[in-house]
Protein backbone atom coordinates (compact mmCIF):
# COMPACT_ATOMS: atom_id res chain seq x y z
CA MET A 1 -9.66 6.76 11.27
CA GLN A 2 -9.34 10.33 12.40
CA ASP A 3 -11.14 10.81 15.74
CA ASP A 4 -13.07 13.93 14.80
CA TRP A 5 -16.78 14.78 14.96
CA HIS A 6 -17.11 15.52 11.25
CA VAL A 7 -15.67 12.17 10.03
CA ARG A 8 -18.39 9.71 9.08
CA VAL A 9 -18.47 6.13 7.80
CA LEU A 10 -21.18 3.84 6.47
CA GLY A 11 -22.72 0.98 8.40
CA PRO A 12 -25.23 -1.73 7.46
CA GLY A 13 -27.98 -0.48 5.16
CA ALA A 14 -25.77 2.53 4.29
CA ALA A 15 -26.50 4.09 7.70
CA VAL A 16 -24.27 7.12 8.32
CA LEU A 17 -22.24 6.74 11.53
CA ASN A 18 -20.10 9.36 13.28
CA VAL A 19 -16.59 8.06 13.99
CA THR A 20 -16.60 9.64 17.47
CA GLU A 21 -19.69 7.60 18.42
CA LEU A 22 -18.48 4.17 17.24
CA LYS A 23 -18.46 1.42 19.85
CA LYS A 24 -16.75 -1.96 20.00
CA GLY A 25 -18.80 -4.40 17.95
CA ASP A 26 -20.30 -1.81 15.55
CA GLN A 27 -20.33 -3.03 11.95
CA LEU A 28 -18.93 -0.87 9.13
CA LEU A 29 -19.00 -1.19 5.37
CA GLY A 30 -15.56 -1.35 3.82
CA HIS A 31 -13.84 -1.21 0.45
CA VAL A 32 -10.26 -2.16 -0.34
CA ALA A 33 -9.03 0.25 -3.01
CA THR A 34 -6.17 -0.71 -5.31
CA ASP A 35 -5.11 2.92 -5.90
CA LYS A 36 -3.54 5.13 -3.28
CA ARG A 37 -6.01 7.84 -2.27
CA HIS A 38 -6.05 11.27 -0.69
CA VAL A 39 -9.42 12.57 0.56
CA GLY A 40 -11.14 9.98 -1.61
CA TRP A 41 -9.44 10.83 -4.89
CA PRO A 42 -7.05 8.36 -6.57
CA VAL A 43 -3.41 9.45 -6.57
CA GLY A 44 -1.21 8.03 -9.33
CA GLU A 45 2.06 9.61 -8.19
CA PHE A 46 5.21 8.08 -6.77
CA CYS A 47 7.49 9.99 -4.43
CA VAL A 48 10.76 9.03 -2.74
CA GLU A 49 11.69 11.26 0.19
CA LYS A 50 15.31 11.24 1.33
C-alpha cells in the first residue's frame, strides 16, 4: 500500500483505518479481484512494452 496520509483501508466492522497509522497485528478486510484494476476501476486492456 502507498504510505500516504490520505490512503485508507477497511478493518473489522467496516472501520476506516489510515494506512499511515496501521500497526503490526491490525486486521484488514480484503478482496481478491479477478480483473486488473487502476484506482478501483477494472482495466480490460493488455499491453506489451518492449
